[in-house]
Amino acid sequence: MDLRHEDIILETDRYRIEGKLTLPREGYRSRLSDYVNQRDREFFAINDATVTALDAPEVTRHASFLMVSRAHVRLVALAAEESFGMPDSSPD
């Protein structure tokens, strides 16, 4: 099976996790939404993960591999879509 790595962002109640999720290159469950909604998947395996505390963004940790419980995930997005459709608030 051909695989690809997608840069994703996960958020739990306490942490923001950025890293790479391995997905099928095409076909069945190749979309992030299909993968995330698999009922039999209890954990997400994240490679090259950066974990940031939401209440202390200056505190970050890195892990080459991290398992995140599906039950604790509140948000999942492709890193390329990080703005979530919000206008850019950076100063000109």
C-alpha atoms as a PDB file:
ATOM      1  CA  MET A   1       0.000   0.000   0.000  1.00  0.00           C
ATOM      2  CA  ASP A   2       1.349   3.434  -0.950  1.00  0.00           C
ATOM      3  CA  LEU A   3       1.378   5.837   1.976  1.00  0.00           C
ATOM      4  CA  ARG A   4       1.831   9.568   2.411  1.00  0.00           C
ATOM      5  CA  HIS A   5       2.581  11.804   5.386  1.00  0.00           C
ATOM      6  CA  GLU A   6       0.264  14.751   6.032  1.00  0.00           C
ATOM      7  CA  ASP A   7       1.228  17.639   8.292  1.00  0.00           C
ATOM      8  CA  ILE A   8      -1.628  17.967  10.759  1.00  0.00           C
ATOM      9  CA  ILE A   9      -2.679  19.884  13.845  1.00  0.00           C
ATOM     10  CA  LEU A  10      -4.518  18.176  16.701  1.00  0.00           C
ATOM     11  CA  GLU A  11      -5.867  19.947  19.747  1.00  0.00           C
ATOM     12  CA  THR A  12      -6.951  18.462  23.035  1.00  0.00           C
ATOM     13  CA  ASP A  13      -8.328  20.408  25.990  1.00  0.00           C
ATOM     14  CA  ARG A  14      -4.770  21.169  27.112  1.00  0.00           C
ATOM     15  CA  TYR A  15      -2.396  20.734  24.165  1.00  0.00           C
ATOM     16  CA  ARG A  16      -1.821  21.642  20.543  1.00  0.00           C
ATOM     17  CA  ILE A  17       0.020  18.877  18.694  1.00  0.00           C
ATOM     18  CA  GLU A  18       1.617  19.431  15.306  1.00  0.00           C
ATOM     19  CA  GLY A  19       3.140  16.539  13.409  1.00  0.00           C
ATOM     20  CA  LYS A  20       2.850  14.029  10.608  1.00  0.00           C
ATOM     21  CA  LEU A  21       0.035  11.510  10.241  1.00  0.00           C
ATOM     22  CA  THR A  22       0.472   8.589   7.834  1.00  0.00           C
ATOM     23  CA  LEU A  23      -2.458   8.112   5.432  1.00  0.00           C
ATOM     24  CA  PRO A  24      -3.052   5.938   2.365  1.00  0.00           C
ATOM     25  CA  ARG A  25      -1.944   7.757  -0.796  1.00  0.00           C
ATOM     26  CA  GLU A  26      -5.299   7.206  -2.504  1.00  0.00           C
ATOM     27  CA  GLY A  27      -8.486   5.189  -2.304  1.00  0.00           C
ATOM     28  CA  TYR A  28     -10.261   3.906   0.783  1.00  0.00           C
ATOM     29  CA  ARG A  29      -9.767   6.130   3.857  1.00  0.00           C
ATOM     30  CA  SER A  30      -7.216   8.336   2.116  1.00  0.00           C
ATOM     31  CA  ARG A  31      -8.947  11.571   3.219  1.00  0.00           C
ATOM     32  CA  LEU A  32      -8.149  12.924   6.656  1.00  0.00           C
ATOM     33  CA  SER A  33     -11.849  13.015   7.580  1.00  0.00           C
ATOM     34  CA  ASP A  34     -12.306   9.346   6.637  1.00  0.00           C
ATOM     35  CA  TYR A  35      -9.251   8.331   8.632  1.00  0.00           C
ATOM     36  CA  VAL A  36     -10.266  10.303  11.724  1.00  0.00           C
ATOM     37  CA  ASN A  37     -13.834   8.967  11.668  1.00  0.00           C
ATOM     38  CA  GLN A  38     -12.885   5.281  11.722  1.00  0.00           C
ATOM     39  CA  ARG A  39     -14.799   3.883  14.689  1.00  0.00           C
ATOM     40  CA  ASP A  40     -12.226   1.155  15.347  1.00  0.00           C
ATOM     41  CA  ARG A  41      -9.327   3.632  15.696  1.00  0.00           C
ATOM     42  CA  GLU A  42      -8.732   4.523  19.365  1.00  0.00           C
ATOM     43  CA  PHE A  43      -5.362   6.253  18.943  1.00  0.00           C
ATOM     44  CA  PHE A  44      -3.684   8.422  16.323  1.00  0.00           C
ATOM     45  CA  ALA A  45       0.005   7.757  15.672  1.00  0.00           C
ATOM     46  CA  ILE A  46       1.810  11.060  15.120  1.00  0.00           C
ATOM     47  CA  ASN A  47       5.419  11.236  13.909  1.00  0.00           C
ATOM     48  CA  ASP A  48       7.773  14.182  14.424  1.00  0.00           C
ATOM     49  CA  ALA A  49       5.371  15.755  16.933  1.00  0.00           C
ATOM     50  CA  THR A  50       5.634  19.154  18.585  1.00  0.00           C
ATOM     51  CA  VAL A  51       3.452  19.486  21.675  1.00  0.00           C
ATOM     52  CA  THR A  52       2.532  22.952  22.946  1.00  0.00           C
ATOM     53  CA  ALA A  53       0.581  23.636  26.129  1.00  0.00           C
ATOM     54  CA  LEU A  54      -2.425  25.829  25.284  1.00  0.00           C
ATOM     55  CA  ASP A  55      -2.175  27.689  28.593  1.00  0.00           C
ATOM     56  CA  ALA A  56       1.602  28.207  28.223  1.00  0.00           C
ATOM     57  CA  PRO A  57       2.481  28.490  24.514  1.00  0.00           C
ATOM     58  CA  GLU A  58       6.123  29.148  25.339  1.00  0.00           C
ATOM     59  CA  VAL A  59       6.390  25.571  26.667  1.00  0.00           C
ATOM     60  CA  THR A  60       6.940  23.066  23.859  1.00  0.00           C
ATOM     61  CA  ARG A  61       8.184  19.515  23.683  1.00  0.00           C
ATOM     62  CA  HIS A  62       9.222  17.350  20.755  1.00  0.00           C
ATOM     63  CA  ALA A  63       8.636  13.624  20.301  1.00  0.00           C
ATOM     64  CA  SER A  64       9.711  11.528  17.333  1.00  0.00           C
ATOM     65  CA  PHE A  65       6.581   9.399  17.882  1.00  0.00           C
ATOM     66  CA  LEU A  66       3.430  10.084  19.874  1.00  0.00           C
ATOM     67  CA  MET A  67       0.147   8.229  20.374  1.00  0.00           C
ATOM     68  CA  VAL A  68      -2.868  10.484  20.980  1.00  0.00           C
ATOM     69  CA  SER A  69      -6.142   9.090  22.300  1.00  0.00           C
ATOM     70  CA  ARG A  70      -9.056   9.781  19.981  1.00  0.00           C
ATOM     71  CA  ALA A  71     -11.266  10.421  23.038  1.00  0.00           C
ATOM     72  CA  HIS A  72      -9.196  13.506  23.946  1.00  0.00           C
ATOM     73  CA  VAL A  73      -9.018  15.086  20.494  1.00  0.00           C
ATOM     74  CA  ARG A  74     -11.179  18.201  20.082  1.00  0.00           C
ATOM     75  CA  LEU A  75      -9.881  19.463  16.725  1.00  0.00           C
ATOM     76  CA  VAL A  76      -8.049  17.957  13.744  1.00  0.00           C
ATOM     77  CA  ALA A  77      -6.928  19.906  10.684  1.00  0.00           C
ATOM     78  CA  LEU A  78      -4.381  19.786   7.921  1.00  0.00           C
ATOM     79  CA  ALA A  79      -1.571  22.178   8.831  1.00  0.00           C
ATOM     80  CA  ALA A  80      -1.921  23.849   5.429  1.00  0.00           C
ATOM     81  CA  GLU A  81      -5.458  24.887   6.462  1.00  0.00           C
ATOM     82  CA  GLU A  82      -4.431  26.232   9.854  1.00  0.00           C
ATOM     83  CA  SER A  83      -6.230  29.556   9.444  1.00  0.00           C
ATOM     84  CA  PHE A  84      -9.586  27.714   9.332  1.00  0.00           C
ATOM     85  CA  GLY A  85     -10.933  30.318   6.924  1.00  0.00           C
ATOM     86  CA  MET A  86     -10.307  33.197   9.312  1.00  0.00           C
ATOM     87  CA  PRO A  87      -8.926  36.445   7.887  1.00  0.00           C
ATOM     88  CA  ASP A  88      -5.239  37.094   8.386  1.00  0.00           C
ATOM     89  CA  SER A  89      -4.844  39.241  11.504  1.00  0.00           C
ATOM     90  CA  SER A  90      -1.140  39.918  11.087  1.00  0.00           C
ATOM     91  CA  PRO A  91      -0.159  43.597  10.843  1.00  0.00           C
ATOM     92  CA  ASP A  92       0.822  44.931   7.428  1.00  0.00           C
END
